[in-house]
């Protein structure tokens, strides 16, 4: 399954409606990663194919979203994105975890296996 581009409206529909709820309440059917990126960002371009590979490897178990920070400035502001890439790891239960920087595939897999897919 390829990564999914997120708009603010799609985020509110599929992930969390920050306009109507204050406490985090994840709506997804699977754990998720949101990649906050920009087209001009070199490290973002390095992470993108790795996230596509992980999306295929964890198909049906994990959803990987992408948010273009240049286009979706509202989402960038809500999550206080200061540097890109920034990755938001969203478990089914509990609070999401933000990680700034381009992580290598083995580090991403470790977070996915230890924090997101816990069955």
PDB file of N, CA and C in Angstrom:
ATOM      1  N   UNK A   1       0.845  -1.176   0.000  1.00  0.00           N
ATOM      2  CA  UNK A   1       0.000   0.000   0.000  1.00  0.00           C
ATOM      3  C   UNK A   1       0.892   1.241   0.000  1.00  0.00           C
ATOM      4  N   UNK A   2       0.688   2.135  -0.933  1.00  0.00           N
ATOM      5  CA  UNK A   2       1.542   3.329  -0.961  1.00  0.00           C
ATOM      6  C   UNK A   2       1.224   4.272   0.205  1.00  0.00           C
ATOM      7  N   UNK A   3       2.156   5.181   0.441  1.00  0.00           N
ATOM      8  CA  UNK A   3       1.901   6.193   1.468  1.00  0.00           C
ATOM      9  C   UNK A   3       0.728   7.057   1.016  1.00  0.00           C
ATOM     10  N   UNK A   4       0.057   7.692   1.982  1.00  0.00           N
ATOM     11  CA  UNK A   4      -1.165   8.441   1.712  1.00  0.00           C
ATOM     12  C   UNK A   4      -0.930   9.917   2.010  1.00  0.00           C
ATOM     13  N   UNK A   5      -1.206  10.781   1.034  1.00  0.00           N
ATOM     14  CA  UNK A   5      -1.079  12.232   1.270  1.00  0.00           C
ATOM     15  C   UNK A   5      -2.235  12.700   2.146  1.00  0.00           C
ATOM     16  N   UNK A   6      -1.905  13.516   3.128  1.00  0.00           N
ATOM     17  CA  UNK A   6      -2.910  14.022   4.056  1.00  0.00           C
ATOM     18  C   UNK A   6      -3.118  15.518   3.877  1.00  0.00           C
ATOM     19  N   UNK A   7      -4.371  15.916   3.815  1.00  0.00           N
ATOM     20  CA  UNK A   7      -4.745  17.320   3.908  1.00  0.00           C
ATOM     21  C   UNK A   7      -5.284  17.541   5.315  1.00  0.00           C
ATOM     22  N   UNK A   8      -5.505  18.774   5.689  1.00  0.00           N
ATOM     23  CA  UNK A   8      -6.061  19.048   7.015  1.00  0.00           C
ATOM     24  C   UNK A   8      -7.432  18.389   7.160  1.00  0.00           C
ATOM     25  N   UNK A   9      -8.268  18.464   6.129  1.00  0.00           N
ATOM     26  CA  UNK A   9      -9.597  17.847   6.210  1.00  0.00           C
ATOM     27  C   UNK A   9      -9.510  16.334   6.341  1.00  0.00           C
ATOM     28  N   UNK A  10      -8.636  15.718   5.569  1.00  0.00           N
ATOM     29  CA  UNK A  10      -8.474  14.259   5.637  1.00  0.00           C
ATOM     30  C   UNK A  10      -7.881  13.860   6.991  1.00  0.00           C
ATOM     31  N   UNK A  11      -6.988  14.689   7.526  1.00  0.00           N
ATOM     32  CA  UNK A  11      -6.421  14.434   8.847  1.00  0.00           C
ATOM     33  C   UNK A  11      -7.532  14.402   9.890  1.00  0.00           C
ATOM     34  N   UNK A  12      -8.405  15.390   9.852  1.00  0.00           N
ATOM     35  CA  UNK A  12      -9.510  15.459  10.825  1.00  0.00           C
ATOM     36  C   UNK A  12     -10.453  14.267  10.674  1.00  0.00           C
ATOM     37  N   UNK A  13     -10.604  13.790   9.460  1.00  0.00           N
ATOM     38  CA  UNK A  13     -11.506  12.674   9.190  1.00  0.00           C
ATOM     39  C   UNK A  13     -10.899  11.324   9.573  1.00  0.00           C
ATOM     40  N   UNK A  14      -9.612  11.114   9.273  1.00  0.00           N
ATOM     41  CA  UNK A  14      -9.004   9.788   9.419  1.00  0.00           C
ATOM     42  C   UNK A  14      -8.092   9.632  10.636  1.00  0.00           C
ATOM     43  N   UNK A  15      -7.557  10.749  11.151  1.00  0.00           N
ATOM     44  CA  UNK A  15      -6.570  10.644  12.222  1.00  0.00           C
ATOM     45  C   UNK A  15      -7.108  11.203  13.534  1.00  0.00           C
ATOM     46  N   UNK A  16      -7.374  12.509  13.572  1.00  0.00           N
ATOM     47  CA  UNK A  16      -7.833  13.158  14.795  1.00  0.00           C
ATOM     48  C   UNK A  16      -8.453  14.500  14.442  1.00  0.00           C
ATOM     49  N   UNK A  17      -9.654  14.753  14.963  1.00  0.00           N
ATOM     50  CA  UNK A  17     -10.321  16.029  14.701  1.00  0.00           C
ATOM     51  C   UNK A  17      -9.971  17.018  15.804  1.00  0.00           C
ATOM     52  N   UNK A  18      -8.927  17.791  15.565  1.00  0.00           N
ATOM     53  CA  UNK A  18      -8.441  18.749  16.557  1.00  0.00           C
ATOM     54  C   UNK A  18      -9.353  19.953  16.699  1.00  0.00           C
ATOM     55  N   UNK A  19     -10.335  20.101  15.820  1.00  0.00           N
ATOM     56  CA  UNK A  19     -11.263  21.231  15.932  1.00  0.00           C
ATOM     57  C   UNK A  19     -12.404  20.941  16.898  1.00  0.00           C
ATOM     58  N   UNK A  20     -12.695  19.656  17.139  1.00  0.00           N
ATOM     59  CA  UNK A  20     -13.819  19.320  18.012  1.00  0.00           C
ATOM     60  C   UNK A  20     -13.397  18.595  19.288  1.00  0.00           C
ATOM     61  N   UNK A  21     -12.137  18.167  19.373  1.00  0.00           N
ATOM     62  CA  UNK A  21     -11.669  17.438  20.549  1.00  0.00           C
ATOM     63  C   UNK A  21     -10.348  18.022  21.022  1.00  0.00           C
ATOM     64  N   UNK A  22     -10.190  18.058  22.348  1.00  0.00           N
ATOM     65  CA  UNK A  22      -8.925  18.543  22.901  1.00  0.00           C
ATOM     66  C   UNK A  22      -7.993  17.390  23.233  1.00  0.00           C
ATOM     67  N   UNK A  23      -8.526  16.297  23.765  1.00  0.00           N
ATOM     68  CA  UNK A  23      -7.703  15.146  24.131  1.00  0.00           C
ATOM     69  C   UNK A  23      -7.523  14.247  22.917  1.00  0.00           C
ATOM     70  N   UNK A  24      -6.291  13.778  22.724  1.00  0.00           N
ATOM     71  CA  UNK A  24      -5.947  12.936  21.592  1.00  0.00           C
ATOM     72  C   UNK A  24      -6.874  11.725  21.531  1.00  0.00           C
ATOM     73  N   UNK A  25      -7.453  11.482  20.375  1.00  0.00           N
ATOM     74  CA  UNK A  25      -8.342  10.347  20.152  1.00  0.00           C
ATOM     75  C   UNK A  25      -8.129   9.871  18.720  1.00  0.00           C
ATOM     76  N   UNK A  26      -7.217   8.912  18.553  1.00  0.00           N
ATOM     77  CA  UNK A  26      -6.843   8.430  17.222  1.00  0.00           C
ATOM     78  C   UNK A  26      -7.992   7.660  16.595  1.00  0.00           C
ATOM     79  N   UNK A  27      -8.332   7.995  15.354  1.00  0.00           N
ATOM     80  CA  UNK A  27      -9.451   7.379  14.645  1.00  0.00           C
ATOM     81  C   UNK A  27      -9.042   6.210  13.751  1.00  0.00           C
ATOM     82  N   UNK A  28      -7.763   5.996  13.563  1.00  0.00           N
ATOM     83  CA  UNK A  28      -7.293   5.011  12.594  1.00  0.00           C
ATOM     84  C   UNK A  28      -7.588   3.570  12.966  1.00  0.00           C
ATOM     85  N   UNK A  29      -7.543   2.714  11.954  1.00  0.00           N
ATOM     86  CA  UNK A  29      -7.740   1.280  12.151  1.00  0.00           C
ATOM     87  C   UNK A  29      -6.430   0.561  12.425  1.00  0.00           C
ATOM     88  N   UNK A  30      -5.313   1.203  12.073  1.00  0.00           N
ATOM     89  CA  UNK A  30      -3.976   0.637  12.283  1.00  0.00           C
ATOM     90  C   UNK A  30      -3.086   1.731  12.854  1.00  0.00           C
ATOM     91  N   UNK A  31      -2.002   1.355  13.537  1.00  0.00           N
ATOM     92  CA  UNK A  31      -1.023   2.380  13.935  1.00  0.00           C
ATOM     93  C   UNK A  31      -0.564   3.136  12.694  1.00  0.00           C
ATOM     94  N   UNK A  32      -0.009   4.322  12.910  1.00  0.00           N
ATOM     95  CA  UNK A  32       0.346   5.155  11.756  1.00  0.00           C
ATOM     96  C   UNK A  32       1.638   5.922  11.994  1.00  0.00           C
ATOM     97  N   UNK A  33       2.220   6.347  10.894  1.00  0.00           N
ATOM     98  CA  UNK A  33       3.341   7.285  10.905  1.00  0.00           C
ATOM     99  C   UNK A  33       2.933   8.420   9.981  1.00  0.00           C
ATOM    100  N   UNK A  34       3.155   9.652  10.435  1.00  0.00           N
ATOM    101  CA  UNK A  34       2.926  10.803   9.563  1.00  0.00           C
ATOM    102  C   UNK A  34       4.276  11.451   9.301  1.00  0.00           C
ATOM    103  N   UNK A  35       4.615  11.553   8.030  1.00  0.00           N
ATOM    104  CA  UNK A  35       5.864  12.162   7.582  1.00  0.00           C
ATOM    105  C   UNK A  35       5.569  13.608   7.195  1.00  0.00           C
ATOM    106  N   UNK A  36       6.078  14.546   7.984  1.00  0.00           N
ATOM    107  CA  UNK A  36       5.976  15.966   7.653  1.00  0.00           C
ATOM    108  C   UNK A  36       7.205  16.313   6.808  1.00  0.00           C
ATOM    109  N   UNK A  37       6.987  16.735   5.567  1.00  0.00           N
ATOM    110  CA  UNK A  37       8.077  16.915   4.618  1.00  0.00           C
ATOM    111  C   UNK A  37       7.843  18.156   3.755  1.00  0.00           C
ATOM    112  N   UNK A  38       8.819  18.466   2.925  1.00  0.00           N
ATOM    113  CA  UNK A  38       8.680  19.478   1.869  1.00  0.00           C
ATOM    114  C   UNK A  38       9.429  18.963   0.636  1.00  0.00           C
ATOM    115  N   UNK A  39       8.936  19.341  -0.526  1.00  0.00           N
ATOM    116  CA  UNK A  39       9.543  18.864  -1.783  1.00  0.00           C
ATOM    117  C   UNK A  39      10.992  19.301  -1.949  1.00  0.00           C
ATOM    118  N   UNK A  40      11.369  20.448  -1.392  1.00  0.00           N
ATOM    119  CA  UNK A  40      12.726  20.979  -1.564  1.00  0.00           C
ATOM    120  C   UNK A  40      13.725  20.392  -0.560  1.00  0.00           C
ATOM    121  N   UNK A  41      13.244  19.610   0.388  1.00  0.00           N
ATOM    122  CA  UNK A  41      14.067  19.115   1.501  1.00  0.00           C
ATOM    123  C   UNK A  41      14.862  17.863   1.102  1.00  0.00           C
ATOM    124  N   UNK A  42      16.200  17.971   1.106  1.00  0.00           N
ATOM    125  CA  UNK A  42      17.060  16.839   0.758  1.00  0.00           C
ATOM    126  C   UNK A  42      16.869  15.622   1.648  1.00  0.00           C
ATOM    127  N   UNK A  43      16.958  15.768   2.984  1.00  0.00           N
ATOM    128  CA  UNK A  43      16.743  14.606   3.861  1.00  0.00           C
ATOM    129  C   UNK A  43      15.349  13.995   3.688  1.00  0.00           C
ATOM    130  N   UNK A  44      14.343  14.821   3.382  1.00  0.00           N
ATOM    131  CA  UNK A  44      12.989  14.298   3.153  1.00  0.00           C
ATOM    132  C   UNK A  44      12.983  13.368   1.945  1.00  0.00           C
ATOM    133  N   UNK A  45      13.731  13.746   0.913  1.00  0.00           N
ATOM    134  CA  UNK A  45      13.812  12.933  -0.299  1.00  0.00           C
ATOM    135  C   UNK A  45      14.522  11.613  -0.031  1.00  0.00           C
ATOM    136  N   UNK A  46      15.424  11.596   0.949  1.00  0.00           N
ATOM    137  CA  UNK A  46      16.117  10.359   1.313  1.00  0.00           C
ATOM    138  C   UNK A  46      15.192   9.423   2.085  1.00  0.00           C
ATOM    139  N   UNK A  47      14.319   9.979   2.915  1.00  0.00           N
ATOM    140  CA  UNK A  47      13.428   9.176   3.754  1.00  0.00           C
ATOM    141  C   UNK A  47      12.233   8.641   2.955  1.00  0.00           C
ATOM    142  N   UNK A  48      11.791   9.387   1.947  1.00  0.00           N
ATOM    143  CA  UNK A  48      10.575   9.025   1.207  1.00  0.00           C
ATOM    144  C   UNK A  48      10.578   7.591   0.663  1.00  0.00           C
ATOM    145  N   UNK A  49      11.636   7.142  -0.040  1.00  0.00           N
ATOM    146  CA  UNK A  49      11.589   5.765  -0.549  1.00  0.00           C
ATOM    147  C   UNK A  49      11.621   4.717   0.561  1.00  0.00           C
ATOM    148  N   UNK A  50      12.261   5.033   1.664  1.00  0.00           N
ATOM    149  CA  UNK A  50      12.285   4.109   2.807  1.00  0.00           C
ATOM    150  C   UNK A  50      10.874   3.959   3.365  1.00  0.00           C
ATOM    151  N   UNK A  51      10.146   5.060   3.485  1.00  0.00           N
ATOM    152  CA  UNK A  51       8.775   4.994   3.979  1.00  0.00           C
ATOM    153  C   UNK A  51       7.876   4.225   3.018  1.00  0.00           C
ATOM    154  N   UNK A  52       8.118   4.367   1.716  1.00  0.00           N
ATOM    155  CA  UNK A  52       7.355   3.586   0.729  1.00  0.00           C
ATOM    156  C   UNK A  52       7.620   2.091   0.915  1.00  0.00           C
ATOM    157  N   UNK A  53       8.884   1.721   1.123  1.00  0.00           N
ATOM    158  CA  UNK A  53       9.234   0.313   1.364  1.00  0.00           C
ATOM    159  C   UNK A  53       8.544  -0.203   2.622  1.00  0.00           C
ATOM    160  N   UNK A  54       8.588   0.593   3.685  1.00  0.00           N
ATOM    161  CA  UNK A  54       7.957   0.178   4.948  1.00  0.00           C
ATOM    162  C   UNK A  54       6.443   0.066   4.798  1.00  0.00           C
ATOM    163  N   UNK A  55       5.865   0.939   3.994  1.00  0.00           N
ATOM    164  CA  UNK A  55       4.432   0.877   3.739  1.00  0.00           C
ATOM    165  C   UNK A  55       4.065  -0.457   3.093  1.00  0.00           C
ATOM    166  N   UNK A  56       4.907  -0.925   2.179  1.00  0.00           N
ATOM    167  CA  UNK A  56       4.685  -2.231   1.554  1.00  0.00           C
ATOM    168  C   UNK A  56       4.922  -3.368   2.548  1.00  0.00           C
ATOM    169  N   UNK A  57       6.009  -3.279   3.316  1.00  0.00           N
ATOM    170  CA  UNK A  57       6.361  -4.346   4.257  1.00  0.00           C
ATOM    171  C   UNK A  57       5.310  -4.528   5.351  1.00  0.00           C
ATOM    172  N   UNK A  58       4.715  -3.424   5.796  1.00  0.00           N
ATOM    173  CA  UNK A  58       3.741  -3.480   6.888  1.00  0.00           C
ATOM    174  C   UNK A  58       2.315  -3.282   6.378  1.00  0.00           C
ATOM    175  N   UNK A  59       2.077  -3.624   5.115  1.00  0.00           N
ATOM    176  CA  UNK A  59       0.761  -3.462   4.503  1.00  0.00           C
ATOM    177  C   UNK A  59      -0.302  -4.181   5.336  1.00  0.00           C
ATOM    178  N   UNK A  60      -1.368  -3.468   5.670  1.00  0.00           N
ATOM    179  CA  UNK A  60      -2.440  -4.042   6.477  1.00  0.00           C
ATOM    180  C   UNK A  60      -2.212  -3.953   7.966  1.00  0.00           C
ATOM    181  N   UNK A  61      -1.012  -3.527   8.376  1.00  0.00           N
ATOM    182  CA  UNK A  61      -0.686  -3.423   9.802  1.00  0.00           C
ATOM    183  C   UNK A  61      -0.348  -1.996  10.222  1.00  0.00           C
ATOM    184  N   UNK A  62       0.001  -1.153   9.251  1.00  0.00           N
ATOM    185  CA  UNK A  62       0.496   0.191   9.515  1.00  0.00           C
ATOM    186  C   UNK A  62       0.107   1.099   8.354  1.00  0.00           C
ATOM    187  N   UNK A  63      -0.308   2.317   8.668  1.00  0.00           N
ATOM    188  CA  UNK A  63      -0.595   3.305   7.633  1.00  0.00           C
ATOM    189  C   UNK A  63       0.470   4.394   7.708  1.00  0.00           C
ATOM    190  N   UNK A  64       1.030   4.751   6.555  1.00  0.00           N
ATOM    191  CA  UNK A  64       2.020   5.820   6.514  1.00  0.00           C
ATOM    192  C   UNK A  64       1.441   6.971   5.695  1.00  0.00           C
ATOM    193  N   UNK A  65       1.328   8.102   6.367  1.00  0.00           N
ATOM    194  CA  UNK A  65       0.793   9.313   5.752  1.00  0.00           C
ATOM    195  C   UNK A  65       1.933  10.284   5.477  1.00  0.00           C
ATOM    196  N   UNK A  66       1.684  11.205   4.531  1.00  0.00           N
ATOM    197  CA  UNK A  66       2.643  12.265   4.220  1.00  0.00           C
ATOM    198  C   UNK A  66       1.913  13.601   4.273  1.00  0.00           C
ATOM    199  N   UNK A  67       2.532  14.581   4.915  1.00  0.00           N
ATOM    200  CA  UNK A  67       1.982  15.934   4.985  1.00  0.00           C
ATOM    201  C   UNK A  67       3.009  16.894   4.412  1.00  0.00           C
ATOM    202  N   UNK A  68       2.649  17.545   3.321  1.00  0.00           N
ATOM    203  CA  UNK A  68       3.501  18.562   2.706  1.00  0.00           C
ATOM    204  C   UNK A  68       3.382  19.834   3.542  1.00  0.00           C
ATOM    205  N   UNK A  69       4.439  20.174   4.259  1.00  0.00           N
ATOM    206  CA  UNK A  69       4.394  21.313   5.185  1.00  0.00           C
ATOM    207  C   UNK A  69       4.219  22.647   4.472  1.00  0.00           C
ATOM    208  N   UNK A  70       4.583  22.708   3.202  1.00  0.00           N
ATOM    209  CA  UNK A  70       4.403  23.947   2.434  1.00  0.00           C
ATOM    210  C   UNK A  70       2.930  24.180   2.107  1.00  0.00           C
ATOM    211  N   UNK A  71       2.204  23.097   1.887  1.00  0.00           N
ATOM    212  CA  UNK A  71       0.800  23.173   1.502  1.00  0.00           C
ATOM    213  C   UNK A  71      -0.105  23.171   2.736  1.00  0.00           C
ATOM    214  N   UNK A  72       0.179  22.279   3.673  1.00  0.00           N
ATOM    215  CA  UNK A  72      -0.664  22.094   4.862  1.00  0.00           C
ATOM    216  C   UNK A  72      -0.062  22.829   6.057  1.00  0.00           C
ATOM    217  N   UNK A  73      -0.059  24.142   5.974  1.00  0.00           N
ATOM    218  CA  UNK A  73       0.557  24.949   7.026  1.00  0.00           C
ATOM    219  C   UNK A  73      -0.210  24.875   8.341  1.00  0.00           C
ATOM    220  N   UNK A  74      -1.520  24.657   8.267  1.00  0.00           N
ATOM    221  CA  UNK A  74      -2.317  24.517   9.487  1.00  0.00           C
ATOM    222  C   UNK A  74      -1.853  23.308  10.303  1.00  0.00           C
ATOM    223  N   UNK A  75      -1.674  22.175   9.637  1.00  0.00           N
ATOM    224  CA  UNK A  75      -1.197  20.970  10.331  1.00  0.00           C
ATOM    225  C   UNK A  75       0.214  21.176  10.864  1.00  0.00           C
ATOM    226  N   UNK A  76       1.062  21.812  10.076  1.00  0.00           N
ATOM    227  CA  UNK A  76       2.427  22.087  10.523  1.00  0.00           C
ATOM    228  C   UNK A  76       2.423  22.942  11.785  1.00  0.00           C
ATOM    229  N   UNK A  77       1.529  23.914  11.836  1.00  0.00           N
ATOM    230  CA  UNK A  77       1.447  24.787  13.007  1.00  0.00           C
ATOM    231  C   UNK A  77       0.911  24.037  14.222  1.00  0.00           C
ATOM    232  N   UNK A  78      -0.098  23.226  14.028  1.00  0.00           N
ATOM    233  CA  UNK A  78      -0.690  22.483  15.142  1.00  0.00           C
ATOM    234  C   UNK A  78       0.337  21.561  15.795  1.00  0.00           C
ATOM    235  N   UNK A  79       1.170  20.926  14.972  1.00  0.00           N
ATOM    236  CA  UNK A  79       2.175  20.009  15.502  1.00  0.00           C
ATOM    237  C   UNK A  79       3.517  20.683  15.750  1.00  0.00           C
ATOM    238  N   UNK A  80       3.554  22.003  15.595  1.00  0.00           N
ATOM    239  CA  UNK A  80       4.758  22.791  15.865  1.00  0.00           C
ATOM    240  C   UNK A  80       5.982  22.231  15.133  1.00  0.00           C
ATOM    241  N   UNK A  81       5.810  21.991  13.853  1.00  0.00           N
ATOM    242  CA  UNK A  81       6.904  21.466  13.049  1.00  0.00           C
ATOM    243  C   UNK A  81       7.935  22.580  12.851  1.00  0.00           C
ATOM    244  N   UNK A  82       9.135  22.360  13.349  1.00  0.00           N
ATOM    245  CA  UNK A  82      10.219  23.341  13.251  1.00  0.00           C
ATOM    246  C   UNK A  82      11.303  22.898  12.275  1.00  0.00           C
ATOM    247  N   UNK A  83      11.430  21.588  12.118  1.00  0.00           N
ATOM    248  CA  UNK A  83      12.422  21.059  11.180  1.00  0.00           C
ATOM    249  C   UNK A  83      11.798  19.875  10.451  1.00  0.00           C
ATOM    250  N   UNK A  84      12.281  19.663   9.241  1.00  0.00           N
ATOM    251  CA  UNK A  84      11.782  18.534   8.463  1.00  0.00           C
ATOM    252  C   UNK A  84      12.950  17.710   7.950  1.00  0.00           C
ATOM    253  N   UNK A  85      12.780  16.432   7.774  1.00  0.00           N
ATOM    254  CA  UNK A  85      11.533  15.729   8.047  1.00  0.00           C
ATOM    255  C   UNK A  85      11.293  15.592   9.551  1.00  0.00           C
ATOM    256  N   UNK A  86      10.026  15.552   9.900  1.00  0.00           N
ATOM    257  CA  UNK A  86       9.600  15.195  11.250  1.00  0.00           C
ATOM    258  C   UNK A  86       8.600  14.068  11.102  1.00  0.00           C
ATOM    259  N   UNK A  87       8.742  13.067  11.940  1.00  0.00           N
ATOM    260  CA  UNK A  87       7.871  11.895  11.871  1.00  0.00           C
ATOM    261  C   UNK A  87       7.047  11.806  13.144  1.00  0.00           C
ATOM    262  N   UNK A  88       5.741  11.641  12.977  1.00  0.00           N
ATOM    263  CA  UNK A  88       4.836  11.461  14.099  1.00  0.00           C
ATOM    264  C   UNK A  88       4.439   9.993  14.130  1.00  0.00           C
ATOM    265  N   UNK A  89       4.821   9.293  15.182  1.00  0.00           N
ATOM    266  CA  UNK A  89       4.500   7.878  15.353  1.00  0.00           C
ATOM    267  C   UNK A  89       3.228   7.789  16.193  1.00  0.00           C
ATOM    268  N   UNK A  90       2.196   7.130  15.651  1.00  0.00           N
ATOM    269  CA  UNK A  90       0.899   7.085  16.320  1.00  0.00           C
ATOM    270  C   UNK A  90       0.535   5.639  16.652  1.00  0.00           C
ATOM    271  N   UNK A  91       0.619   5.264  17.936  1.00  0.00           N
ATOM    272  CA  UNK A  91       0.177   3.927  18.339  1.00  0.00           C
ATOM    273  C   UNK A  91      -1.356   3.884  18.414  1.00  0.00           C
ATOM    274  N   UNK A  92      -1.917   2.696  18.470  1.00  0.00           N
ATOM    275  CA  UNK A  92      -3.371   2.579  18.590  1.00  0.00           C
ATOM    276  C   UNK A  92      -3.843   3.116  19.942  1.00  0.00           C
ATOM    277  N   UNK A  93      -3.061   2.896  20.969  1.00  0.00           N
ATOM    278  CA  UNK A  93      -3.391   3.368  22.318  1.00  0.00           C
ATOM    279  C   UNK A  93      -2.300   4.335  22.759  1.00  0.00           C
ATOM    280  N   UNK A  94      -2.674   5.345  23.515  1.00  0.00           N
ATOM    281  CA  UNK A  94      -1.676   6.262  24.055  1.00  0.00           C
ATOM    282  C   UNK A  94      -1.403   7.439  23.147  1.00  0.00           C
ATOM    283  N   UNK A  95      -0.421   8.214  23.546  1.00  0.00           N
ATOM    284  CA  UNK A  95      -0.090   9.468  22.875  1.00  0.00           C
ATOM    285  C   UNK A  95       0.879   9.252  21.707  1.00  0.00           C
ATOM    286  N   UNK A  96       0.763  10.079  20.675  1.00  0.00           N
ATOM    287  CA  UNK A  96       1.723  10.007  19.569  1.00  0.00           C
ATOM    288  C   UNK A  96       3.088  10.537  20.002  1.00  0.00           C
ATOM    289  N   UNK A  97       4.124  10.124  19.268  1.00  0.00           N
ATOM    290  CA  UNK A  97       5.499  10.518  19.577  1.00  0.00           C
ATOM    291  C   UNK A  97       6.111  11.172  18.345  1.00  0.00           C
ATOM    292  N   UNK A  98       6.688  12.350  18.512  1.00  0.00           N
ATOM    293  CA  UNK A  98       7.308  13.073  17.394  1.00  0.00           C
ATOM    294  C   UNK A  98       8.814  12.852  17.409  1.00  0.00           C
ATOM    295  N   UNK A  99       9.374  12.647  16.224  1.00  0.00           N
ATOM    296  CA  UNK A  99      10.814  12.496  16.065  1.00  0.00           C
ATOM    297  C   UNK A  99      11.256  13.335  14.885  1.00  0.00           C
ATOM    298  N   UNK A 100      12.137  14.283  15.120  1.00  0.00           N
ATOM    299  CA  UNK A 100      12.662  15.113  14.035  1.00  0.00           C
ATOM    300  C   UNK A 100      13.890  14.443  13.429  1.00  0.00           C
ATOM    301  N   UNK A 101      14.064  14.624  12.136  1.00  0.00           N
ATOM    302  CA  UNK A 101      15.255  14.116  11.469  1.00  0.00           C
ATOM    303  C   UNK A 101      14.977  12.893  10.617  1.00  0.00           C
ATOM    304  N   UNK A 102      15.893  12.633   9.702  1.00  0.00           N
ATOM    305  CA  UNK A 102      15.798  11.495   8.802  1.00  0.00           C
ATOM    306  C   UNK A 102      16.371  10.267   9.491  1.00  0.00           C
ATOM    307  N   UNK A 103      15.505   9.338   9.844  1.00  0.00           N
ATOM    308  CA  UNK A 103      15.951   8.111  10.499  1.00  0.00           C
ATOM    309  C   UNK A 103      16.244   7.040   9.464  1.00  0.00           C
ATOM    310  N   UNK A 104      17.264   6.207   9.703  1.00  0.00           N
ATOM    311  CA  UNK A 104      17.532   5.099   8.783  1.00  0.00           C
ATOM    312  C   UNK A 104      16.456   4.022   8.923  1.00  0.00           C
ATOM    313  N   UNK A 105      16.361   3.173   7.926  1.00  0.00           N
ATOM    314  CA  UNK A 105      15.312   2.149   7.892  1.00  0.00           C
ATOM    315  C   UNK A 105      15.329   1.262   9.130  1.00  0.00           C
ATOM    316  N   UNK A 106      16.512   0.842   9.577  1.00  0.00           N
ATOM    317  CA  UNK A 106      16.561  -0.051  10.744  1.00  0.00           C
ATOM    318  C   UNK A 106      16.009   0.633  11.997  1.00  0.00           C
ATOM    319  N   UNK A 107      16.255   1.923  12.150  1.00  0.00           N
ATOM    320  CA  UNK A 107      15.722   2.658  13.306  1.00  0.00           C
ATOM    321  C   UNK A 107      14.204   2.795  13.195  1.00  0.00           C
ATOM    322  N   UNK A 108      13.711   3.051  12.000  1.00  0.00           N
ATOM    323  CA  UNK A 108      12.260   3.137  11.802  1.00  0.00           C
ATOM    324  C   UNK A 108      11.589   1.799  12.108  1.00  0.00           C
ATOM    325  N   UNK A 109      12.182   0.706  11.618  1.00  0.00           N
ATOM    326  CA  UNK A 109      11.625  -0.623  11.878  1.00  0.00           C
ATOM    327  C   UNK A 109      11.607  -0.927  13.377  1.00  0.00           C
ATOM    328  N   UNK A 110      12.646  -0.511  14.082  1.00  0.00           N
ATOM    329  CA  UNK A 110      12.709  -0.745  15.526  1.00  0.00           C
ATOM    330  C   UNK A 110      11.570  -0.026  16.243  1.00  0.00           C
ATOM    331  N   UNK A 111      11.326   1.224  15.890  1.00  0.00           N
ATOM    332  CA  UNK A 111      10.223   1.972  16.500  1.00  0.00           C
ATOM    333  C   UNK A 111       8.885   1.324  16.146  1.00  0.00           C
ATOM    334  N   UNK A 112       8.713   0.957  14.887  1.00  0.00           N
ATOM    335  CA  UNK A 112       7.464   0.324  14.452  1.00  0.00           C
ATOM    336  C   UNK A 112       7.222  -0.956  15.241  1.00  0.00           C
ATOM    337  N   UNK A 113       8.237  -1.821  15.318  1.00  0.00           N
ATOM    338  CA  UNK A 113       8.074  -3.120  15.973  1.00  0.00           C
ATOM    339  C   UNK A 113       7.926  -3.010  17.486  1.00  0.00           C
ATOM    340  N   UNK A 114       8.589  -2.039  18.117  1.00  0.00           N
ATOM    341  CA  UNK A 114       8.534  -1.932  19.577  1.00  0.00           C
ATOM    342  C   UNK A 114       7.396  -1.062  20.079  1.00  0.00           C
ATOM    343  N   UNK A 115       7.060  -0.011  19.326  1.00  0.00           N
ATOM    344  CA  UNK A 115       6.106   0.972  19.828  1.00  0.00           C
ATOM    345  C   UNK A 115       4.736   0.935  19.139  1.00  0.00           C
ATOM    346  N   UNK A 116       4.706   0.533  17.869  1.00  0.00           N
ATOM    347  CA  UNK A 116       3.450   0.648  17.129  1.00  0.00           C
ATOM    348  C   UNK A 116       2.723  -0.678  16.927  1.00  0.00           C
ATOM    349  N   UNK A 117       3.441  -1.683  16.479  1.00  0.00           N
ATOM    350  CA  UNK A 117       2.818  -2.975  16.242  1.00  0.00           C
ATOM    351  C   UNK A 117       3.185  -3.901  17.390  1.00  0.00           C
ATOM    352  N   UNK A 118       2.284  -3.998  18.328  1.00  0.00           N
ATOM    353  CA  UNK A 118       2.614  -4.672  19.586  1.00  0.00           C
ATOM    354  C   UNK A 118       1.926  -6.026  19.747  1.00  0.00           C
ATOM    355  N   UNK A 119       1.355  -6.565  18.663  1.00  0.00           N
ATOM    356  CA  UNK A 119       0.687  -7.868  18.803  1.00  0.00           C
ATOM    357  C   UNK A 119       1.611  -9.016  18.525  1.00  0.00           C
TER     358      UNK A 119
END
